[in-house]
Amino acid sequence: MNRIAIVLAAIAGILAGALGYSQLNQPQPQTDAVAVRAIVEQVLAEQPKAEPVQAVAQLDPAELNPLIEKFLMSDPKLLQRLSIALDETLSAEEKSRTQTALASMQDAIYNQPDQIVLGNPNGDVTLVEFFDYNCGYCRNALPDLAALLAEDTNLRVILKEFPILSNESIDAARVGVLVGQSDADYWTFHEALFTSRGKVDKAVALAAATDLGLSSVDLELRMKDESVAKTIQNSYEIAQALGISGTPTYIIGNEVIPGAIGVEELRTRIANMRACGESQCS
């Protein structure tokens, strides 16, 4: 059901429950984006007292529908204002839920042992990325992250293994966690997997780790260690709490950003964090 249909259904339900068989005088056009209930209450206030309301199931659509149509046609822009008001309300509710979840997950997001930290570990702004090694959008976004790391010496980057696309992604993530636990150059490993051809699986990940001097036999034996599973599980738990369902997804300050938004947008949000303490300054 589209948004207009939802609004129409809401209006129909309220009118049906409140008006019964009473007749409507033509209401004055509304000029503010107000809620459906407020509009109907205003209309009802202008009406003479009606008989007790009849059950909605008993209302005759042949009588009710013209009333609804007359009401809506009296102000053709009503639905547009209602749609805008609904968007604003839902957006505010979602922002509030996200900020509450972010506040409750601070340690899990920013202070977990074995998490991958790149750039300046003491940077004044932290950018978190959830990624899957088989995510094409993550692959395309790799140069964005590389540019930010190269140009911003005060940026802290946390990478969260979030394998959701395949079992091969899970295997690659396990190897990635082990590489992160070692002294090897994780960024080189990260780039190697995202610039490889074809599906990234255990073999590809082990080959990239071997190129860094790690033992593929040792890595394969430790892929199912509890510490590895715990690191990946941490990403799943954060994602569930924040409603993250795709990759890449970024966290900057008080905002969860789904999708590869491009380096310029990332720069803007990082600059906003430094300017006003939020990813989007008013």
C-alpha atoms as a PDB file:
ATOM      1  CA  MET A   1       0.000   0.000   0.000  1.00  0.00           C
ATOM      2  CA  ASN A   2       1.506   3.386  -0.965  1.00  0.00           C
ATOM      3  CA  ARG A   3       1.675   6.401   1.327  1.00  0.00           C
ATOM      4  CA  ILE A   4      -1.392   8.143  -0.149  1.00  0.00           C
ATOM      5  CA  ALA A   5      -3.432   4.985   0.313  1.00  0.00           C
ATOM      6  CA  ILE A   6      -2.314   4.760   3.926  1.00  0.00           C
ATOM      7  CA  VAL A   7      -3.341   8.358   4.576  1.00  0.00           C
ATOM      8  CA  LEU A   8      -6.691   7.819   2.849  1.00  0.00           C
ATOM      9  CA  ALA A   9      -7.297   4.701   4.919  1.00  0.00           C
ATOM     10  CA  ALA A  10      -6.473   6.608   8.099  1.00  0.00           C
ATOM     11  CA  ILE A  11      -8.879   9.414   7.197  1.00  0.00           C
ATOM     12  CA  ALA A  12     -11.593   6.950   6.254  1.00  0.00           C
ATOM     13  CA  GLY A  13     -11.203   5.071   9.512  1.00  0.00           C
ATOM     14  CA  ILE A  14     -11.344   8.180  11.665  1.00  0.00           C
ATOM     15  CA  LEU A  15     -14.287   9.669   9.788  1.00  0.00           C
ATOM     16  CA  ALA A  16     -16.141   6.384   9.853  1.00  0.00           C
ATOM     17  CA  GLY A  17     -15.684   5.952  13.565  1.00  0.00           C
ATOM     18  CA  ALA A  18     -16.532   9.540  14.420  1.00  0.00           C
ATOM     19  CA  LEU A  19     -19.230  10.696  12.018  1.00  0.00           C
ATOM     20  CA  GLY A  20     -21.666   7.848  11.645  1.00  0.00           C
ATOM     21  CA  TYR A  21     -24.342   8.992   9.230  1.00  0.00           C
ATOM     22  CA  SER A  22     -24.040  12.715  10.050  1.00  0.00           C
ATOM     23  CA  GLN A  23     -23.490  15.180   7.218  1.00  0.00           C
ATOM     24  CA  LEU A  24     -20.355  17.344   6.909  1.00  0.00           C
ATOM     25  CA  ASN A  25     -20.282  21.050   6.288  1.00  0.00           C
ATOM     26  CA  GLN A  26     -17.421  21.999   3.975  1.00  0.00           C
ATOM     27  CA  PRO A  27     -14.338  22.633   6.155  1.00  0.00           C
ATOM     28  CA  GLN A  28     -12.016  25.544   5.693  1.00  0.00           C
ATOM     29  CA  PRO A  29      -8.776  24.708   3.847  1.00  0.00           C
ATOM     30  CA  GLN A  30      -5.941  23.765   6.168  1.00  0.00           C
ATOM     31  CA  THR A  31      -2.620  25.562   5.926  1.00  0.00           C
ATOM     32  CA  ASP A  32      -0.469  23.612   8.377  1.00  0.00           C
ATOM     33  CA  ALA A  33       0.883  20.083   8.131  1.00  0.00           C
ATOM     34  CA  VAL A  34      -1.272  18.723  10.952  1.00  0.00           C
ATOM     35  CA  ALA A  35      -2.123  15.207  11.970  1.00  0.00           C
ATOM     36  CA  VAL A  36      -5.163  13.431  10.581  1.00  0.00           C
ATOM     37  CA  ARG A  37      -6.869  13.293  13.946  1.00  0.00           C
ATOM     38  CA  ALA A  38      -6.463  17.025  14.526  1.00  0.00           C
ATOM     39  CA  ILE A  39      -8.086  17.773  11.160  1.00  0.00           C
ATOM     40  CA  VAL A  40     -11.042  15.521  11.845  1.00  0.00           C
ATOM     41  CA  GLU A  41     -11.517  16.948  15.341  1.00  0.00           C
ATOM     42  CA  GLN A  42     -11.688  20.427  13.860  1.00  0.00           C
ATOM     43  CA  VAL A  43     -14.339  19.303  11.379  1.00  0.00           C
ATOM     44  CA  LEU A  44     -16.348  17.596  14.109  1.00  0.00           C
ATOM     45  CA  ALA A  45     -16.238  20.709  16.285  1.00  0.00           C
ATOM     46  CA  GLU A  46     -18.138  22.597  13.592  1.00  0.00           C
ATOM     47  CA  GLN A  47     -20.930  20.016  13.423  1.00  0.00           C
ATOM     48  CA  PRO A  48     -24.165  19.897  15.444  1.00  0.00           C
ATOM     49  CA  LYS A  49     -24.393  17.139  17.998  1.00  0.00           C
ATOM     50  CA  ALA A  50     -25.055  13.857  16.257  1.00  0.00           C
ATOM     51  CA  GLU A  51     -26.898  10.778  17.370  1.00  0.00           C
ATOM     52  CA  PRO A  52     -24.816   8.064  19.059  1.00  0.00           C
ATOM     53  CA  VAL A  53     -22.205   6.747  16.673  1.00  0.00           C
ATOM     54  CA  GLN A  54     -23.142   3.599  14.822  1.00  0.00           C
ATOM     55  CA  ALA A  55     -20.747   0.731  14.413  1.00  0.00           C
ATOM     56  CA  VAL A  56     -18.311   1.159  11.529  1.00  0.00           C
ATOM     57  CA  ALA A  57     -19.457  -2.132  10.073  1.00  0.00           C
ATOM     58  CA  GLN A  58     -22.981  -0.695   9.714  1.00  0.00           C
ATOM     59  CA  LEU A  59     -21.946   2.406   7.757  1.00  0.00           C
ATOM     60  CA  ASP A  60     -23.025   2.513   4.138  1.00  0.00           C
ATOM     61  CA  PRO A  61     -20.036   3.183   1.850  1.00  0.00           C
ATOM     62  CA  ALA A  62     -22.425   4.845  -0.575  1.00  0.00           C
ATOM     63  CA  GLU A  63     -22.990   7.569   2.029  1.00  0.00           C
ATOM     64  CA  LEU A  64     -19.575   7.633   3.670  1.00  0.00           C
ATOM     65  CA  ASN A  65     -17.409   7.742   0.547  1.00  0.00           C
ATOM     66  CA  PRO A  66     -18.928  10.971  -0.835  1.00  0.00           C
ATOM     67  CA  LEU A  67     -18.354  12.617   2.560  1.00  0.00           C
ATOM     68  CA  ILE A  68     -14.710  11.638   2.518  1.00  0.00           C
ATOM     69  CA  GLU A  69     -14.324  12.778  -1.085  1.00  0.00           C
ATOM     70  CA  LYS A  70     -15.988  16.114  -0.329  1.00  0.00           C
ATOM     71  CA  PHE A  71     -13.725  16.617   2.664  1.00  0.00           C
ATOM     72  CA  LEU A  72     -10.555  15.848   0.679  1.00  0.00           C
ATOM     73  CA  MET A  73     -11.554  17.877  -2.368  1.00  0.00           C
ATOM     74  CA  SER A  74     -12.139  20.925  -0.184  1.00  0.00           C
ATOM     75  CA  ASP A  75      -8.351  21.132   0.158  1.00  0.00           C
ATOM     76  CA  PRO A  76      -6.488  19.219  -2.592  1.00  0.00           C
ATOM     77  CA  LYS A  77      -3.115  19.775  -0.914  1.00  0.00           C
ATOM     78  CA  LEU A  78      -4.221  18.087   2.293  1.00  0.00           C
ATOM     79  CA  LEU A  79      -2.727  14.697   1.455  1.00  0.00           C
ATOM     80  CA  GLN A  80       0.585  16.271   0.528  1.00  0.00           C
ATOM     81  CA  ARG A  81       0.792  18.007   3.902  1.00  0.00           C
ATOM     82  CA  LEU A  82      -0.223  14.843   5.704  1.00  0.00           C
ATOM     83  CA  SER A  83       2.412  12.851   3.859  1.00  0.00           C
ATOM     84  CA  ILE A  84       5.083  15.391   4.791  1.00  0.00           C
ATOM     85  CA  ALA A  85       3.932  15.382   8.418  1.00  0.00           C
ATOM     86  CA  LEU A  86       4.001  11.587   8.462  1.00  0.00           C
ATOM     87  CA  ASP A  87       7.531  11.534   7.012  1.00  0.00           C
ATOM     88  CA  GLU A  88       8.714  14.027   9.609  1.00  0.00           C
ATOM     89  CA  THR A  89       7.141  12.078  12.457  1.00  0.00           C
ATOM     90  CA  LEU A  90       8.549   8.737  11.325  1.00  0.00           C
ATOM     91  CA  SER A  91      11.977  10.284  10.724  1.00  0.00           C
ATOM     92  CA  ALA A  92      12.043  11.816  14.199  1.00  0.00           C
ATOM     93  CA  GLU A  93      10.986   8.521  15.779  1.00  0.00           C
ATOM     94  CA  GLU A  94      13.644   6.599  13.839  1.00  0.00           C
ATOM     95  CA  LYS A  95      16.324   9.136  14.800  1.00  0.00           C
ATOM     96  CA  SER A  96      15.345   8.841  18.456  1.00  0.00           C
ATOM     97  CA  ARG A  97      15.465   5.037  18.337  1.00  0.00           C
ATOM     98  CA  THR A  98      18.851   5.103  16.596  1.00  0.00           C
ATOM     99  CA  GLN A  99      20.373   7.525  19.083  1.00  0.00           C
ATOM    100  CA  THR A 100      19.102   5.459  22.011  1.00  0.00           C
ATOM    101  CA  ALA A 101      20.558   2.295  20.474  1.00  0.00           C
ATOM    102  CA  LEU A 102      23.872   4.015  19.702  1.00  0.00           C
ATOM    103  CA  ALA A 103      24.149   5.219  23.290  1.00  0.00           C
ATOM    104  CA  SER A 104      23.533   1.710  24.635  1.00  0.00           C
ATOM    105  CA  MET A 105      26.098   0.132  22.261  1.00  0.00           C
ATOM    106  CA  GLN A 106      29.025   2.526  22.737  1.00  0.00           C
ATOM    107  CA  ASP A 107      31.466  -0.042  24.114  1.00  0.00           C
ATOM    108  CA  ALA A 108      30.501  -2.672  21.558  1.00  0.00           C
ATOM    109  CA  ILE A 109      30.974  -0.215  18.695  1.00  0.00           C
ATOM    110  CA  TYR A 110      34.120   1.594  19.761  1.00  0.00           C
ATOM    111  CA  ASN A 111      35.963  -0.351  22.452  1.00  0.00           C
ATOM    112  CA  GLN A 112      35.877  -4.042  21.554  1.00  0.00           C
ATOM    113  CA  PRO A 113      39.102  -6.053  21.785  1.00  0.00           C
ATOM    114  CA  ASP A 114      40.448  -7.344  18.471  1.00  0.00           C
ATOM    115  CA  GLN A 115      38.544  -4.756  16.431  1.00  0.00           C
ATOM    116  CA  ILE A 116      40.423  -3.328  13.446  1.00  0.00           C
ATOM    117  CA  VAL A 117      41.537   0.254  14.016  1.00  0.00           C
ATOM    118  CA  LEU A 118      43.144   2.179  11.170  1.00  0.00           C
ATOM    119  CA  GLY A 119      44.392   5.745  10.882  1.00  0.00           C
ATOM    120  CA  ASN A 120      44.970   7.692  14.073  1.00  0.00           C
ATOM    121  CA  PRO A 121      43.957   5.562  17.093  1.00  0.00           C
ATOM    122  CA  ASN A 122      43.535   8.803  19.056  1.00  0.00           C
ATOM    123  CA  GLY A 123      41.770  10.714  16.306  1.00  0.00           C
ATOM    124  CA  ASP A 124      39.119  13.303  17.123  1.00  0.00           C
ATOM    125  CA  VAL A 125      36.520  11.714  14.813  1.00  0.00           C
ATOM    126  CA  THR A 126      35.770   7.998  14.420  1.00  0.00           C
ATOM    127  CA  LEU A 127      34.336   6.465  11.271  1.00  0.00           C
ATOM    128  CA  VAL A 128      32.978   2.924  11.629  1.00  0.00           C
ATOM    129  CA  GLU A 129      32.353   0.747   8.580  1.00  0.00           C
ATOM    130  CA  PHE A 130      30.475  -2.563   8.474  1.00  0.00           C
ATOM    131  CA  PHE A 131      31.538  -4.530   5.407  1.00  0.00           C
ATOM    132  CA  ASP A 132      31.361  -7.878   3.650  1.00  0.00           C
ATOM    133  CA  TYR A 133      34.261  -8.992   1.460  1.00  0.00           C
ATOM    134  CA  ASN A 134      31.832 -10.085  -1.254  1.00  0.00           C
ATOM    135  CA  CYS A 135      29.922  -6.809  -1.277  1.00  0.00           C
ATOM    136  CA  GLY A 136      30.326  -5.039  -4.612  1.00  0.00           C
ATOM    137  CA  TYR A 137      29.396  -1.670  -3.119  1.00  0.00           C
ATOM    138  CA  CYS A 138      32.032  -2.131  -0.414  1.00  0.00           C
ATOM    139  CA  ARG A 139      34.556  -2.881  -3.151  1.00  0.00           C
ATOM    140  CA  ASN A 140      33.611   0.317  -4.968  1.00  0.00           C
ATOM    141  CA  ALA A 141      33.821   2.295  -1.720  1.00  0.00           C
ATOM    142  CA  LEU A 142      37.349   1.107  -0.912  1.00  0.00           C
ATOM    143  CA  PRO A 143      39.005   4.096  -2.657  1.00  0.00           C
ATOM    144  CA  ASP A 144      36.858   6.442  -0.533  1.00  0.00           C
ATOM    145  CA  LEU A 145      38.258   4.975   2.653  1.00  0.00           C
ATOM    146  CA  ALA A 146      41.786   4.969   1.240  1.00  0.00           C
ATOM    147  CA  ALA A 147      41.501   8.664   0.374  1.00  0.00           C
ATOM    148  CA  LEU A 148      40.230   9.587   3.827  1.00  0.00           C
ATOM    149  CA  LEU A 149      43.020   7.666   5.552  1.00  0.00           C
ATOM    150  CA  ALA A 150      45.634   9.301   3.351  1.00  0.00           C
ATOM    151  CA  GLU A 151      44.421  12.874   3.731  1.00  0.00           C
ATOM    152  CA  ASP A 152      43.047  13.041   7.280  1.00  0.00           C
ATOM    153  CA  THR A 153      45.695  12.406   9.899  1.00  0.00           C
ATOM    154  CA  ASN A 154      43.240  12.942  12.724  1.00  0.00           C
ATOM    155  CA  LEU A 155      40.678  10.343  11.611  1.00  0.00           C
ATOM    156  CA  ARG A 156      40.162   7.064  13.431  1.00  0.00           C
ATOM    157  CA  VAL A 157      38.628   4.239  11.392  1.00  0.00           C
ATOM    158  CA  ILE A 158      37.112   1.062  12.845  1.00  0.00           C
ATOM    159  CA  LEU A 159      36.334  -1.803  10.485  1.00  0.00           C
ATOM    160  CA  LYS A 160      33.657  -4.298  11.502  1.00  0.00           C
ATOM    161  CA  GLU A 161      33.600  -7.685   9.788  1.00  0.00           C
ATOM    162  CA  PHE A 162      29.926  -8.171   8.914  1.00  0.00           C
ATOM    163  CA  PRO A 163      29.690 -11.246   6.661  1.00  0.00           C
ATOM    164  CA  ILE A 164      26.060 -11.529   5.561  1.00  0.00           C
ATOM    165  CA  LEU A 165      26.182 -12.459   1.874  1.00  0.00           C
ATOM    166  CA  SER A 166      27.464 -16.039   1.885  1.00  0.00           C
ATOM    167  CA  ASN A 167      29.298 -18.769   3.753  1.00  0.00           C
ATOM    168  CA  GLU A 168      32.383 -17.774   1.771  1.00  0.00           C
ATOM    169  CA  SER A 169      32.092 -14.310   3.266  1.00  0.00           C
ATOM    170  CA  ILE A 170      32.023 -15.824   6.752  1.00  0.00           C
ATOM    171  CA  ASP A 171      35.202 -17.813   6.060  1.00  0.00           C
ATOM    172  CA  ALA A 172      36.957 -14.740   4.682  1.00  0.00           C
ATOM    173  CA  ALA A 173      35.846 -12.729   7.712  1.00  0.00           C
ATOM    174  CA  ARG A 174      37.266 -15.358  10.058  1.00  0.00           C
ATOM    175  CA  VAL A 175      40.629 -15.143   8.352  1.00  0.00           C
ATOM    176  CA  GLY A 176      40.349 -11.341   8.478  1.00  0.00           C
ATOM    177  CA  VAL A 177      39.817 -11.391  12.235  1.00  0.00           C
ATOM    178  CA  LEU A 178      42.927 -13.557  12.672  1.00  0.00           C
ATOM    179  CA  VAL A 179      44.972 -11.230  10.467  1.00  0.00           C
ATOM    180  CA  GLY A 180      43.757  -8.349  12.614  1.00  0.00           C
ATOM    181  CA  GLN A 181      44.928 -10.176  15.740  1.00  0.00           C
ATOM    182  CA  SER A 182      48.420 -10.570  14.274  1.00  0.00           C
ATOM    183  CA  ASP A 183      51.136  -8.027  13.636  1.00  0.00           C
ATOM    184  CA  ALA A 184      50.567  -8.207   9.886  1.00  0.00           C
ATOM    185  CA  ASP A 185      49.514  -5.177   7.840  1.00  0.00           C
ATOM    186  CA  TYR A 186      45.741  -5.474   7.903  1.00  0.00           C
ATOM    187  CA  TRP A 187      45.138  -2.701   5.357  1.00  0.00           C
ATOM    188  CA  THR A 188      47.251  -4.547   2.795  1.00  0.00           C
ATOM    189  CA  PHE A 189      45.189  -7.694   3.448  1.00  0.00           C
ATOM    190  CA  HIS A 190      41.955  -5.666   3.202  1.00  0.00           C
ATOM    191  CA  GLU A 191      42.957  -4.152  -0.129  1.00  0.00           C
ATOM    192  CA  ALA A 192      44.077  -7.494  -1.495  1.00  0.00           C
ATOM    193  CA  LEU A 193      40.696  -9.111  -0.854  1.00  0.00           C
ATOM    194  CA  PHE A 194      38.699  -6.218  -2.285  1.00  0.00           C
ATOM    195  CA  THR A 195      40.850  -6.018  -5.402  1.00  0.00           C
ATOM    196  CA  SER A 196      40.877  -9.761  -6.057  1.00  0.00           C
ATOM    197  CA  ARG A 197      38.846 -11.278  -8.895  1.00  0.00           C
ATOM    198  CA  GLY A 198      35.792 -13.420  -8.389  1.00  0.00           C
ATOM    199  CA  LYS A 199      34.219 -14.506  -5.123  1.00  0.00           C
ATOM    200  CA  VAL A 200      36.255 -13.951  -1.985  1.00  0.00           C
ATOM    201  CA  ASP A 201      36.403 -17.195  -0.015  1.00  0.00           C
ATOM    202  CA  LYS A 202      38.671 -18.970   2.443  1.00  0.00           C
ATOM    203  CA  ALA A 203      41.291 -19.780  -0.202  1.00  0.00           C
ATOM    204  CA  VAL A 204      41.531 -16.161  -1.366  1.00  0.00           C
ATOM    205  CA  ALA A 205      41.758 -14.880   2.203  1.00  0.00           C
ATOM    206  CA  LEU A 206      44.387 -17.443   3.221  1.00  0.00           C
ATOM    207  CA  ALA A 207      46.469 -16.648   0.135  1.00  0.00           C
ATOM    208  CA  ALA A 208      46.410 -12.930   0.962  1.00  0.00           C
ATOM    209  CA  ALA A 209      47.398 -13.657   4.568  1.00  0.00           C
ATOM    210  CA  THR A 210      50.215 -15.951   3.422  1.00  0.00           C
ATOM    211  CA  ASP A 211      51.569 -13.120   1.270  1.00  0.00           C
ATOM    212  CA  LEU A 212      51.958 -11.159   4.509  1.00  0.00           C
ATOM    213  CA  GLY A 213      54.071 -13.917   6.055  1.00  0.00           C
ATOM    214  CA  LEU A 214      51.369 -15.681   8.070  1.00  0.00           C
ATOM    215  CA  SER A 215      50.969 -19.443   8.105  1.00  0.00           C
ATOM    216  CA  SER A 216      47.911 -20.621   6.200  1.00  0.00           C
ATOM    217  CA  VAL A 217      47.944 -23.893   8.159  1.00  0.00           C
ATOM    218  CA  ASP A 218      47.927 -22.075  11.493  1.00  0.00           C
ATOM    219  CA  LEU A 219      45.194 -19.695  10.336  1.00  0.00           C
ATOM    220  CA  GLU A 220      42.975 -22.490   9.097  1.00  0.00           C
ATOM    221  CA  LEU A 221      43.341 -24.346  12.378  1.00  0.00           C
ATOM    222  CA  ARG A 222      42.289 -21.241  14.350  1.00  0.00           C
ATOM    223  CA  MET A 223      39.448 -20.038  12.130  1.00  0.00           C
ATOM    224  CA  LYS A 224      36.827 -21.441  14.514  1.00  0.00           C
ATOM    225  CA  ASP A 225      38.419 -20.163  17.699  1.00  0.00           C
ATOM    226  CA  GLU A 226      35.996 -18.662  20.185  1.00  0.00           C
ATOM    227  CA  SER A 227      37.686 -15.267  19.976  1.00  0.00           C
ATOM    228  CA  VAL A 228      37.077 -15.166  16.219  1.00  0.00           C
ATOM    229  CA  ALA A 229      33.418 -16.097  16.569  1.00  0.00           C
ATOM    230  CA  LYS A 230      32.978 -13.533  19.347  1.00  0.00           C
ATOM    231  CA  THR A 231      34.360 -10.704  17.216  1.00  0.00           C
ATOM    232  CA  ILE A 232      31.998 -11.468  14.338  1.00  0.00           C
ATOM    233  CA  GLN A 233      29.071 -12.030  16.711  1.00  0.00           C
ATOM    234  CA  ASN A 234      29.701  -8.575  18.127  1.00  0.00           C
ATOM    235  CA  SER A 235      29.112  -7.094  14.676  1.00  0.00           C
ATOM    236  CA  TYR A 236      25.858  -9.033  14.312  1.00  0.00           C
ATOM    237  CA  GLU A 237      24.617  -7.824  17.692  1.00  0.00           C
ATOM    238  CA  ILE A 238      25.384  -4.197  16.908  1.00  0.00           C
ATOM    239  CA  ALA A 239      23.696  -4.542  13.531  1.00  0.00           C
ATOM    240  CA  GLN A 240      20.579  -6.035  15.090  1.00  0.00           C
ATOM    241  CA  ALA A 241      20.359  -3.259  17.682  1.00  0.00           C
ATOM    242  CA  LEU A 242      20.796  -0.521  15.080  1.00  0.00           C
ATOM    243  CA  GLY A 243      18.722  -2.067  12.312  1.00  0.00           C
ATOM    244  CA  ILE A 244      21.730  -2.517  10.023  1.00  0.00           C
ATOM    245  CA  SER A 245      20.918  -4.995   7.260  1.00  0.00           C
ATOM    246  CA  GLY A 246      23.305  -4.207   4.405  1.00  0.00           C
ATOM    247  CA  THR A 247      26.853  -3.285   3.537  1.00  0.00           C
ATOM    248  CA  PRO A 248      28.581  -0.969   3.532  1.00  0.00           C
ATOM    249  CA  THR A 249      27.033   0.782   6.513  1.00  0.00           C
ATOM    250  CA  TYR A 250      28.829   3.600   8.290  1.00  0.00           C
ATOM    251  CA  ILE A 251      28.493   5.060  11.760  1.00  0.00           C
ATOM    252  CA  ILE A 252      29.634   8.625  12.297  1.00  0.00           C
ATOM    253  CA  GLY A 253      28.751  10.254  15.592  1.00  0.00           C
ATOM    254  CA  ASN A 254      24.991  10.117  16.045  1.00  0.00           C
ATOM    255  CA  GLU A 255      24.182   8.790  12.581  1.00  0.00           C
ATOM    256  CA  VAL A 256      23.936   5.348  10.995  1.00  0.00           C
ATOM    257  CA  ILE A 257      24.497   5.725   7.249  1.00  0.00           C
ATOM    258  CA  PRO A 258      23.467   2.849   4.972  1.00  0.00           C
ATOM    259  CA  GLY A 259      25.128   2.501   1.598  1.00  0.00           C
ATOM    260  CA  ALA A 260      28.190   3.803  -0.210  1.00  0.00           C
ATOM    261  CA  ILE A 261      27.510   7.534  -0.054  1.00  0.00           C
ATOM    262  CA  GLY A 262      30.803   8.645  -1.619  1.00  0.00           C
ATOM    263  CA  VAL A 263      33.901  10.313  -0.295  1.00  0.00           C
ATOM    264  CA  GLU A 264      32.530  13.870  -0.466  1.00  0.00           C
ATOM    265  CA  GLU A 265      29.551  13.018   1.729  1.00  0.00           C
ATOM    266  CA  LEU A 266      31.835  11.251   4.173  1.00  0.00           C
ATOM    267  CA  ARG A 267      34.143  14.278   4.256  1.00  0.00           C
ATOM    268  CA  THR A 268      31.164  16.549   4.951  1.00  0.00           C
ATOM    269  CA  ARG A 269      29.946  14.458   7.856  1.00  0.00           C
ATOM    270  CA  ILE A 270      33.436  14.212   9.343  1.00  0.00           C
ATOM    271  CA  ALA A 271      33.809  17.984   9.055  1.00  0.00           C
ATOM    272  CA  ASN A 272      30.412  18.439  10.706  1.00  0.00           C
ATOM    273  CA  MET A 273      31.495  16.290  13.629  1.00  0.00           C
ATOM    274  CA  ARG A 274      34.414  18.630  14.181  1.00  0.00           C
ATOM    275  CA  ALA A 275      32.302  21.748  13.722  1.00  0.00           C
ATOM    276  CA  CYS A 276      29.207  20.969  15.787  1.00  0.00           C
ATOM    277  CA  GLY A 277      29.636  17.525  17.330  1.00  0.00           C
ATOM    278  CA  GLU A 278      27.015  15.934  15.085  1.00  0.00           C
ATOM    279  CA  SER A 279      27.180  14.409  11.606  1.00  0.00           C
ATOM    280  CA  GLN A 280      24.651  16.955  10.298  1.00  0.00           C
ATOM    281  CA  CYS A 281      24.844  20.488  11.623  1.00  0.00           C
ATOM    282  CA  SER A 282      21.638  22.515  11.761  1.00  0.00           C
END
